[in-house]
Structures are given as C-alpha cells and as structure tokens.
N, C-alpha and C. Protein backbone atom coordinates (compact mmCIF):
# COMPACT_ATOMS: atom_id res chain seq x y z
N MET A 1 0.85 -1.18 0.00
CA MET A 1 0.00 0.00 0.00
C MET A 1 0.89 1.25 0.00
N LYS A 2 0.58 2.17 -0.86
CA LYS A 2 1.37 3.39 -0.98
C LYS A 2 1.00 4.38 0.12
N THR A 3 2.01 5.08 0.60
CA THR A 3 1.81 6.14 1.58
C THR A 3 1.12 7.31 0.91
N ASN A 4 0.16 7.89 1.61
CA ASN A 4 -0.50 9.10 1.12
C ASN A 4 0.31 10.31 1.55
N VAL A 5 0.65 11.15 0.58
CA VAL A 5 1.48 12.32 0.83
C VAL A 5 0.78 13.54 0.23
N LYS A 6 0.85 14.63 0.96
CA LYS A 6 0.38 15.91 0.44
C LYS A 6 1.60 16.78 0.20
N ILE A 7 1.68 17.34 -0.98
CA ILE A 7 2.74 18.30 -1.30
C ILE A 7 2.07 19.61 -1.69
N PHE A 8 2.50 20.67 -1.06
CA PHE A 8 2.04 22.02 -1.38
C PHE A 8 3.26 22.77 -1.89
N SER A 9 3.12 23.48 -2.99
CA SER A 9 4.28 24.20 -3.53
C SER A 9 3.86 25.54 -4.11
N ASP A 10 4.83 26.44 -4.13
CA ASP A 10 4.61 27.76 -4.70
C ASP A 10 5.94 28.29 -5.22
N GLY A 11 5.86 29.17 -6.19
CA GLY A 11 7.03 29.80 -6.74
C GLY A 11 6.84 31.30 -6.76
N SER A 12 7.96 32.01 -6.80
CA SER A 12 7.92 33.47 -6.77
C SER A 12 9.09 34.01 -7.56
N SER A 13 8.90 35.14 -8.18
CA SER A 13 10.04 35.87 -8.75
C SER A 13 9.78 37.36 -8.62
N ARG A 14 10.85 38.07 -8.38
CA ARG A 14 10.82 39.53 -8.25
C ARG A 14 11.24 40.09 -9.59
N GLY A 15 10.29 40.24 -10.47
CA GLY A 15 10.57 40.51 -11.87
C GLY A 15 10.45 39.18 -12.59
N ASN A 16 10.26 39.22 -13.87
CA ASN A 16 10.06 37.97 -14.60
C ASN A 16 10.76 38.08 -15.96
N PRO A 17 12.08 37.91 -16.04
CA PRO A 17 12.91 37.26 -15.03
C PRO A 17 13.43 38.21 -13.97
N GLY A 18 13.87 37.59 -12.88
CA GLY A 18 14.45 38.31 -11.76
C GLY A 18 14.81 37.33 -10.68
N PRO A 19 15.18 37.82 -9.52
CA PRO A 19 15.44 36.91 -8.40
C PRO A 19 14.16 36.15 -8.08
N GLY A 20 14.30 34.88 -7.76
CA GLY A 20 13.12 34.07 -7.49
C GLY A 20 13.40 32.99 -6.47
N GLY A 21 12.32 32.33 -6.07
CA GLY A 21 12.45 31.24 -5.11
C GLY A 21 11.23 30.33 -5.16
N TYR A 22 11.40 29.18 -4.54
CA TYR A 22 10.28 28.26 -4.40
C TYR A 22 10.12 27.90 -2.93
N GLY A 23 8.94 27.49 -2.58
CA GLY A 23 8.66 26.98 -1.25
C GLY A 23 7.80 25.75 -1.37
N THR A 24 8.14 24.73 -0.61
CA THR A 24 7.42 23.45 -0.67
C THR A 24 7.20 22.93 0.74
N VAL A 25 6.00 22.43 0.99
CA VAL A 25 5.68 21.77 2.25
C VAL A 25 5.19 20.37 1.91
N LEU A 26 5.81 19.38 2.54
CA LEU A 26 5.46 17.97 2.33
C LEU A 26 4.86 17.46 3.64
N GLN A 27 3.72 16.78 3.56
CA GLN A 27 3.06 16.24 4.75
C GLN A 27 2.66 14.79 4.52
N PHE A 28 2.85 13.96 5.56
CA PHE A 28 2.33 12.60 5.53
C PHE A 28 2.10 12.13 6.96
N VAL A 29 1.24 11.16 7.10
CA VAL A 29 0.93 10.56 8.40
C VAL A 29 1.52 9.17 8.41
N ASP A 30 2.31 8.86 9.45
CA ASP A 30 2.93 7.54 9.52
C ASP A 30 1.94 6.50 10.06
N ALA A 31 2.38 5.26 10.14
CA ALA A 31 1.51 4.16 10.55
C ALA A 31 0.94 4.36 11.95
N SER A 32 1.65 5.10 12.80
CA SER A 32 1.16 5.33 14.16
C SER A 32 0.18 6.51 14.24
N GLY A 33 -0.03 7.18 13.09
CA GLY A 33 -0.94 8.31 13.06
C GLY A 33 -0.28 9.66 13.30
N LYS A 34 1.04 9.68 13.38
CA LYS A 34 1.76 10.93 13.62
C LYS A 34 1.98 11.68 12.31
N LEU A 35 1.66 12.98 12.33
CA LEU A 35 1.86 13.84 11.17
C LEU A 35 3.33 14.25 11.09
N HIS A 36 3.89 14.08 9.90
CA HIS A 36 5.26 14.52 9.64
C HIS A 36 5.20 15.62 8.58
N GLU A 37 6.01 16.66 8.78
CA GLU A 37 6.08 17.75 7.81
C GLU A 37 7.53 18.07 7.53
N ARG A 38 7.76 18.44 6.28
CA ARG A 38 9.08 18.92 5.88
C ARG A 38 8.88 20.16 5.02
N GLU A 39 9.80 21.10 5.14
CA GLU A 39 9.78 22.31 4.32
C GLU A 39 11.04 22.35 3.48
N TYR A 40 10.88 22.85 2.26
CA TYR A 40 12.01 23.02 1.34
C TYR A 40 11.87 24.39 0.68
N SER A 41 13.00 25.06 0.51
CA SER A 41 12.99 26.32 -0.24
C SER A 41 14.40 26.64 -0.69
N ALA A 42 14.48 27.42 -1.74
CA ALA A 42 15.76 27.93 -2.23
C ALA A 42 15.48 29.14 -3.10
N GLY A 43 16.49 30.01 -3.18
CA GLY A 43 16.38 31.21 -3.99
C GLY A 43 17.38 31.20 -5.13
N PHE A 44 17.03 31.88 -6.21
CA PHE A 44 17.85 31.92 -7.42
C PHE A 44 18.03 33.36 -7.87
N LYS A 45 19.21 33.63 -8.45
CA LYS A 45 19.57 34.99 -8.87
C LYS A 45 18.67 35.52 -9.98
N LYS A 46 18.46 34.72 -11.01
CA LYS A 46 17.69 35.17 -12.17
C LYS A 46 16.90 33.99 -12.70
N THR A 47 15.60 34.10 -12.60
CA THR A 47 14.71 33.01 -13.00
C THR A 47 13.34 33.58 -13.32
N THR A 48 12.37 32.72 -13.49
CA THR A 48 10.99 33.16 -13.74
C THR A 48 10.05 32.51 -12.73
N ASN A 49 8.89 33.10 -12.60
CA ASN A 49 7.88 32.55 -11.71
C ASN A 49 7.52 31.12 -12.12
N ASN A 50 7.31 30.89 -13.40
CA ASN A 50 6.93 29.54 -13.84
C ASN A 50 8.00 28.51 -13.52
N ARG A 51 9.26 28.86 -13.68
CA ARG A 51 10.33 27.92 -13.34
C ARG A 51 10.30 27.59 -11.85
N MET A 52 10.03 28.57 -11.02
CA MET A 52 9.99 28.33 -9.58
C MET A 52 8.77 27.52 -9.19
N GLU A 53 7.64 27.73 -9.88
CA GLU A 53 6.45 26.91 -9.63
C GLU A 53 6.76 25.44 -9.91
N LEU A 54 7.42 25.18 -11.03
CA LEU A 54 7.79 23.81 -11.38
C LEU A 54 8.80 23.23 -10.40
N LEU A 55 9.80 24.02 -10.05
CA LEU A 55 10.85 23.52 -9.17
C LEU A 55 10.31 23.18 -7.78
N GLY A 56 9.37 23.95 -7.29
CA GLY A 56 8.76 23.63 -6.00
C GLY A 56 8.11 22.25 -6.01
N ALA A 57 7.39 21.94 -7.07
CA ALA A 57 6.75 20.62 -7.20
C ALA A 57 7.81 19.53 -7.33
N ILE A 58 8.82 19.78 -8.13
CA ILE A 58 9.89 18.80 -8.36
C ILE A 58 10.59 18.45 -7.05
N VAL A 59 10.97 19.45 -6.29
CA VAL A 59 11.70 19.21 -5.05
C VAL A 59 10.87 18.37 -4.08
N GLY A 60 9.59 18.65 -4.00
CA GLY A 60 8.72 17.85 -3.15
C GLY A 60 8.67 16.40 -3.58
N LEU A 61 8.52 16.17 -4.87
CA LEU A 61 8.47 14.79 -5.39
C LEU A 61 9.82 14.09 -5.25
N GLU A 62 10.90 14.81 -5.50
CA GLU A 62 12.23 14.20 -5.39
C GLU A 62 12.59 13.83 -3.95
N ALA A 63 11.90 14.42 -2.98
CA ALA A 63 12.16 14.10 -1.57
C ALA A 63 11.58 12.74 -1.17
N LEU A 64 10.67 12.21 -1.97
CA LEU A 64 10.03 10.94 -1.63
C LEU A 64 10.99 9.78 -1.87
N THR A 65 11.04 8.85 -0.93
CA THR A 65 11.99 7.75 -1.00
C THR A 65 11.36 6.42 -1.38
N LYS A 66 10.04 6.38 -1.48
CA LYS A 66 9.35 5.16 -1.91
C LYS A 66 8.09 5.57 -2.67
N PRO A 67 7.52 4.65 -3.44
CA PRO A 67 6.32 5.01 -4.20
C PRO A 67 5.19 5.48 -3.28
N CYS A 68 4.57 6.58 -3.66
CA CYS A 68 3.52 7.19 -2.85
C CYS A 68 2.33 7.60 -3.71
N HIS A 69 1.20 7.76 -3.05
CA HIS A 69 0.06 8.43 -3.66
C HIS A 69 0.16 9.89 -3.22
N VAL A 70 0.27 10.79 -4.17
CA VAL A 70 0.55 12.20 -3.88
C VAL A 70 -0.59 13.08 -4.37
N ILE A 71 -1.02 13.97 -3.50
CA ILE A 71 -1.88 15.06 -3.93
C ILE A 71 -0.99 16.30 -3.89
N LEU A 72 -0.71 16.84 -5.06
CA LEU A 72 0.17 17.99 -5.20
C LEU A 72 -0.69 19.22 -5.44
N THR A 73 -0.66 20.13 -4.50
CA THR A 73 -1.51 21.32 -4.53
C THR A 73 -0.68 22.55 -4.84
N SER A 74 -1.14 23.32 -5.82
CA SER A 74 -0.42 24.51 -6.28
C SER A 74 -1.41 25.57 -6.73
N ASP A 75 -0.98 26.82 -6.65
CA ASP A 75 -1.80 27.90 -7.19
C ASP A 75 -1.40 28.23 -8.63
N SER A 76 -0.57 27.37 -9.23
CA SER A 76 -0.09 27.60 -10.59
C SER A 76 -0.91 26.81 -11.60
N LYS A 77 -1.69 27.53 -12.40
CA LYS A 77 -2.42 26.89 -13.50
C LYS A 77 -1.44 26.32 -14.52
N TYR A 78 -0.32 26.98 -14.69
CA TYR A 78 0.74 26.51 -15.60
C TYR A 78 1.12 25.07 -15.25
N LEU A 79 1.30 24.80 -13.97
CA LEU A 79 1.66 23.47 -13.51
C LEU A 79 0.47 22.51 -13.54
N THR A 80 -0.61 22.89 -12.90
CA THR A 80 -1.73 21.95 -12.75
C THR A 80 -2.44 21.67 -14.07
N ASP A 81 -2.62 22.69 -14.90
CA ASP A 81 -3.30 22.48 -16.18
C ASP A 81 -2.47 21.62 -17.14
N ALA A 82 -1.16 21.67 -17.01
CA ALA A 82 -0.32 20.84 -17.88
C ALA A 82 -0.71 19.37 -17.75
N PHE A 83 -1.14 18.97 -16.56
CA PHE A 83 -1.54 17.58 -16.34
C PHE A 83 -3.06 17.41 -16.39
N ASN A 84 -3.79 18.29 -15.74
CA ASN A 84 -5.25 18.14 -15.69
C ASN A 84 -5.92 18.42 -17.02
N GLN A 85 -5.31 19.27 -17.85
CA GLN A 85 -5.83 19.54 -19.19
C GLN A 85 -5.06 18.75 -20.26
N HIS A 86 -4.16 17.90 -19.82
CA HIS A 86 -3.39 16.98 -20.69
C HIS A 86 -2.50 17.68 -21.70
N TRP A 87 -2.06 18.91 -21.38
CA TRP A 87 -1.11 19.59 -22.26
C TRP A 87 0.16 18.76 -22.42
N ILE A 88 0.61 18.17 -21.31
CA ILE A 88 1.87 17.44 -21.31
C ILE A 88 1.84 16.30 -22.33
N ASP A 89 0.69 15.65 -22.46
CA ASP A 89 0.56 14.55 -23.43
C ASP A 89 0.81 15.05 -24.84
N GLY A 90 0.23 16.20 -25.18
CA GLY A 90 0.43 16.78 -26.50
C GLY A 90 1.87 17.21 -26.72
N TRP A 91 2.49 17.80 -25.69
CA TRP A 91 3.88 18.21 -25.80
C TRP A 91 4.79 17.02 -26.07
N LEU A 92 4.52 15.93 -25.37
CA LEU A 92 5.35 14.73 -25.56
C LEU A 92 5.16 14.16 -26.97
N LYS A 93 3.91 14.10 -27.43
CA LYS A 93 3.63 13.58 -28.77
C LYS A 93 4.28 14.43 -29.86
N LYS A 94 4.37 15.73 -29.60
CA LYS A 94 4.93 16.67 -30.59
C LYS A 94 6.39 17.00 -30.31
N ASN A 95 7.06 16.15 -29.52
CA ASN A 95 8.47 16.36 -29.21
C ASN A 95 8.73 17.75 -28.62
N TRP A 96 7.95 18.08 -27.57
CA TRP A 96 8.08 19.32 -26.83
C TRP A 96 7.78 20.57 -27.66
N LYS A 97 6.79 20.44 -28.52
CA LYS A 97 6.25 21.58 -29.26
C LYS A 97 4.83 21.83 -28.76
N SER A 98 4.44 23.10 -28.73
CA SER A 98 3.09 23.46 -28.31
C SER A 98 2.11 23.18 -29.44
N ALA A 99 0.83 23.37 -29.15
CA ALA A 99 -0.19 23.19 -30.18
C ALA A 99 0.06 24.10 -31.36
N GLY A 100 0.66 25.26 -31.11
CA GLY A 100 0.98 26.21 -32.18
C GLY A 100 2.30 25.95 -32.87
N GLY A 101 2.98 24.88 -32.47
CA GLY A 101 4.24 24.50 -33.11
C GLY A 101 5.49 25.15 -32.52
N LYS A 102 5.31 25.98 -31.48
CA LYS A 102 6.47 26.62 -30.85
C LYS A 102 7.09 25.69 -29.81
N ALA A 103 8.36 25.90 -29.54
CA ALA A 103 9.05 25.11 -28.52
C ALA A 103 8.44 25.39 -27.15
N VAL A 104 8.18 24.33 -26.39
CA VAL A 104 7.67 24.47 -25.03
C VAL A 104 8.77 25.04 -24.15
N LYS A 105 8.42 26.01 -23.33
CA LYS A 105 9.40 26.61 -22.41
C LYS A 105 9.62 25.69 -21.22
N ASN A 106 10.80 25.78 -20.66
CA ASN A 106 11.16 25.07 -19.42
C ASN A 106 11.19 23.56 -19.57
N VAL A 107 11.55 23.09 -20.76
CA VAL A 107 11.58 21.64 -21.02
C VAL A 107 12.45 20.92 -20.02
N ASP A 108 13.58 21.52 -19.63
CA ASP A 108 14.45 20.86 -18.66
C ASP A 108 13.71 20.52 -17.37
N LEU A 109 12.86 21.44 -16.91
CA LEU A 109 12.11 21.21 -15.68
C LEU A 109 10.92 20.30 -15.89
N TRP A 110 10.25 20.39 -17.01
CA TRP A 110 9.15 19.46 -17.30
C TRP A 110 9.68 18.03 -17.33
N GLN A 111 10.83 17.82 -17.95
CA GLN A 111 11.41 16.49 -18.01
C GLN A 111 11.81 16.01 -16.62
N ARG A 112 12.38 16.90 -15.84
CA ARG A 112 12.76 16.53 -14.47
C ARG A 112 11.53 16.21 -13.63
N LEU A 113 10.45 16.96 -13.84
CA LEU A 113 9.20 16.71 -13.13
C LEU A 113 8.64 15.34 -13.49
N LEU A 114 8.61 15.01 -14.76
CA LEU A 114 8.12 13.70 -15.17
C LEU A 114 8.94 12.58 -14.55
N LYS A 115 10.25 12.75 -14.51
CA LYS A 115 11.12 11.75 -13.89
C LYS A 115 10.82 11.64 -12.39
N ALA A 116 10.61 12.77 -11.72
CA ALA A 116 10.31 12.78 -10.29
C ALA A 116 8.97 12.12 -9.99
N MET A 117 8.04 12.15 -10.94
CA MET A 117 6.73 11.54 -10.76
C MET A 117 6.77 10.03 -10.94
N ASP A 118 7.80 9.53 -11.58
CA ASP A 118 7.89 8.11 -11.89
C ASP A 118 7.77 7.27 -10.63
N GLY A 119 6.88 6.30 -10.66
CA GLY A 119 6.67 5.40 -9.53
C GLY A 119 5.62 5.88 -8.55
N HIS A 120 5.19 7.11 -8.70
CA HIS A 120 4.17 7.68 -7.81
C HIS A 120 2.85 7.84 -8.55
N GLU A 121 1.78 7.85 -7.81
CA GLU A 121 0.48 8.24 -8.35
C GLU A 121 0.30 9.70 -7.92
N VAL A 122 0.25 10.60 -8.89
CA VAL A 122 0.22 12.03 -8.57
C VAL A 122 -1.07 12.64 -9.10
N GLU A 123 -1.78 13.30 -8.20
CA GLU A 123 -2.96 14.09 -8.57
C GLU A 123 -2.58 15.56 -8.39
N PHE A 124 -2.91 16.38 -9.39
CA PHE A 124 -2.63 17.81 -9.31
C PHE A 124 -3.91 18.55 -8.95
N CYS A 125 -3.81 19.38 -7.93
CA CYS A 125 -4.96 20.13 -7.44
C CYS A 125 -4.63 21.61 -7.48
N TRP A 126 -5.45 22.39 -8.16
CA TRP A 126 -5.25 23.84 -8.21
C TRP A 126 -6.06 24.51 -7.12
N ILE A 127 -5.44 25.48 -6.46
CA ILE A 127 -6.15 26.35 -5.52
C ILE A 127 -5.83 27.79 -5.86
N LYS A 128 -6.74 28.67 -5.51
CA LYS A 128 -6.52 30.10 -5.74
C LYS A 128 -5.43 30.59 -4.79
N GLY A 129 -4.45 31.29 -5.35
CA GLY A 129 -3.37 31.84 -4.54
C GLY A 129 -3.79 33.05 -3.74
N HIS A 130 -3.11 33.30 -2.66
CA HIS A 130 -3.34 34.46 -1.81
C HIS A 130 -4.80 34.55 -1.37
N ALA A 131 -5.37 33.38 -1.08
CA ALA A 131 -6.78 33.32 -0.68
C ALA A 131 -6.94 32.74 0.73
N GLY A 132 -5.85 32.72 1.49
CA GLY A 132 -5.94 32.29 2.87
C GLY A 132 -5.74 30.80 3.11
N HIS A 133 -5.41 30.03 2.08
CA HIS A 133 -5.13 28.59 2.28
C HIS A 133 -3.84 28.49 3.09
N PRO A 134 -3.87 27.91 4.29
CA PRO A 134 -2.70 27.96 5.19
C PRO A 134 -1.41 27.43 4.57
N GLU A 135 -1.44 26.28 3.94
CA GLU A 135 -0.21 25.72 3.38
C GLU A 135 0.26 26.52 2.17
N ASN A 136 -0.66 27.04 1.37
CA ASN A 136 -0.27 27.85 0.23
C ASN A 136 0.37 29.15 0.71
N GLU A 137 -0.19 29.75 1.73
CA GLU A 137 0.40 30.98 2.29
C GLU A 137 1.79 30.68 2.87
N ARG A 138 1.93 29.53 3.49
CA ARG A 138 3.23 29.13 4.05
C ARG A 138 4.25 28.95 2.94
N CYS A 139 3.84 28.29 1.86
CA CYS A 139 4.75 28.10 0.72
C CYS A 139 5.12 29.44 0.09
N ASP A 140 4.16 30.34 0.00
CA ASP A 140 4.43 31.66 -0.55
C ASP A 140 5.47 32.39 0.30
N ARG A 141 5.34 32.31 1.63
CA ARG A 141 6.33 32.94 2.51
C ARG A 141 7.71 32.31 2.32
N LEU A 142 7.76 30.99 2.21
CA LEU A 142 9.04 30.32 1.97
C LEU A 142 9.66 30.78 0.65
N ALA A 143 8.83 30.86 -0.39
CA ALA A 143 9.32 31.22 -1.72
C ALA A 143 9.81 32.68 -1.76
N THR A 144 9.02 33.58 -1.22
CA THR A 144 9.41 34.99 -1.28
C THR A 144 10.60 35.28 -0.37
N THR A 145 10.67 34.62 0.79
CA THR A 145 11.83 34.78 1.68
C THR A 145 13.09 34.28 0.99
N ALA A 146 12.97 33.14 0.29
CA ALA A 146 14.13 32.60 -0.44
C ALA A 146 14.55 33.55 -1.56
N ALA A 147 13.58 34.11 -2.29
CA ALA A 147 13.88 35.03 -3.39
C ALA A 147 14.57 36.29 -2.89
N ASP A 148 14.22 36.71 -1.69
CA ASP A 148 14.77 37.95 -1.11
C ASP A 148 16.03 37.70 -0.29
N GLY A 149 16.44 36.44 -0.19
CA GLY A 149 17.55 36.08 0.68
C GLY A 149 18.91 36.30 0.05
N GLU A 150 19.92 35.90 0.80
CA GLU A 150 21.30 35.97 0.33
C GLU A 150 21.73 34.60 -0.15
N GLY A 151 22.87 34.57 -0.84
CA GLY A 151 23.40 33.29 -1.32
C GLY A 151 22.53 32.65 -2.38
N LEU A 152 21.96 33.48 -3.24
CA LEU A 152 21.07 32.96 -4.29
C LEU A 152 21.85 32.08 -5.26
N LEU A 153 21.19 31.05 -5.74
CA LEU A 153 21.78 30.08 -6.66
C LEU A 153 21.62 30.54 -8.11
N ASP A 154 22.38 29.92 -9.00
CA ASP A 154 22.22 30.14 -10.43
C ASP A 154 21.20 29.15 -10.96
N ASP A 155 20.26 29.62 -11.75
CA ASP A 155 19.29 28.75 -12.42
C ASP A 155 19.93 28.32 -13.74
N THR A 156 20.73 27.27 -13.70
CA THR A 156 21.56 26.89 -14.83
C THR A 156 20.78 26.39 -16.04
N GLY A 157 19.56 25.92 -15.83
CA GLY A 157 18.79 25.42 -16.95
C GLY A 157 17.95 26.47 -17.63
N ALA A 158 17.91 27.64 -17.06
CA ALA A 158 17.03 28.68 -17.58
C ALA A 158 17.51 29.18 -18.95
N ASP A 159 16.55 29.31 -19.84
CA ASP A 159 16.86 29.90 -21.16
C ASP A 159 16.49 31.38 -21.11
N ILE A 160 17.02 32.05 -20.10
CA ILE A 160 16.73 33.45 -19.87
C ILE A 160 17.96 34.27 -20.28
N VAL A 161 17.74 35.28 -21.05
CA VAL A 161 18.85 36.14 -21.47
C VAL A 161 19.12 37.16 -20.38
C-alpha cells in the first residue's frame, strides 16, 4: 500500500525574469498516526515565476523515497493544467512543441518533473493563490523569503537572457 502524501508548492520571482524562489511543504501521516512535515525552499539569482512553480513541485516529489500516492496542490495553473488539461501529453507527442508549433518553455524542468513523478500516483490540485489557504500561504512565505535572501543560486537550466 502506498503512503499518502500531500505536497504544497509555490514559486515566486521579483521581476520575470528576476530573483526568485520556491517553497514546498510535504506532509504525511505515519503508521502510528503521527503527522510529519518537511519544508524546502531555495532562492535563485535570475529566474521566472513559472520555473519556480515547477521547481517547488519537483523538489517535493524528489524528496520521496518510496512510491507514494501524492496530492500535489499549487496555485499555478501553468503546472496543474499541464496535467489536468493533458497539455503534457500533446507536448510529448509533438516532441516538446506546443499546439501552435512553438518550442515548449522550461523543457528541462518538465522532463525533471516527469522523472520525479515516476513510480508515484500524482494528482494535481489547483487552488486560488493568496486566498488564505494555510499551506499555500506558508509556501508563498518560503518562496518569497528565499527570493529575497542571500546566497542565491544560479538557475543553470534557464533559457533566460
């Protein structure tokens, strides 16, 4: 039986592109009924909001050490619609081209996300951002604090000029 895990994630950037960060909260209940939580965040020198939205989800999934049933909650339609509206299926069929024939942005992160999902059952749930959802607000604070912090990382996969 797979462990049920909740992942909440959010991304932020100060400018688009600009300094950015992600925040992720992972929750699960162990066999004894005890709630476990983990937080993840990091900031980057120059990135985009969409890249940070994806990276928040990726980091949460990559933290899992065994196959899980995951409900991944995000305020990013970019992330959730890619799966719930099956955009990703079309992108894969068209070798990472959009319906209009243009190259899909952030392919490096989409590919990493798909790899991180491997072995898990993942449901994507969209929620309205900045609407008082406790975990989403927490992720937003983690993301914006990371974006505003020191020691920002390089987003090496970004195709940002």
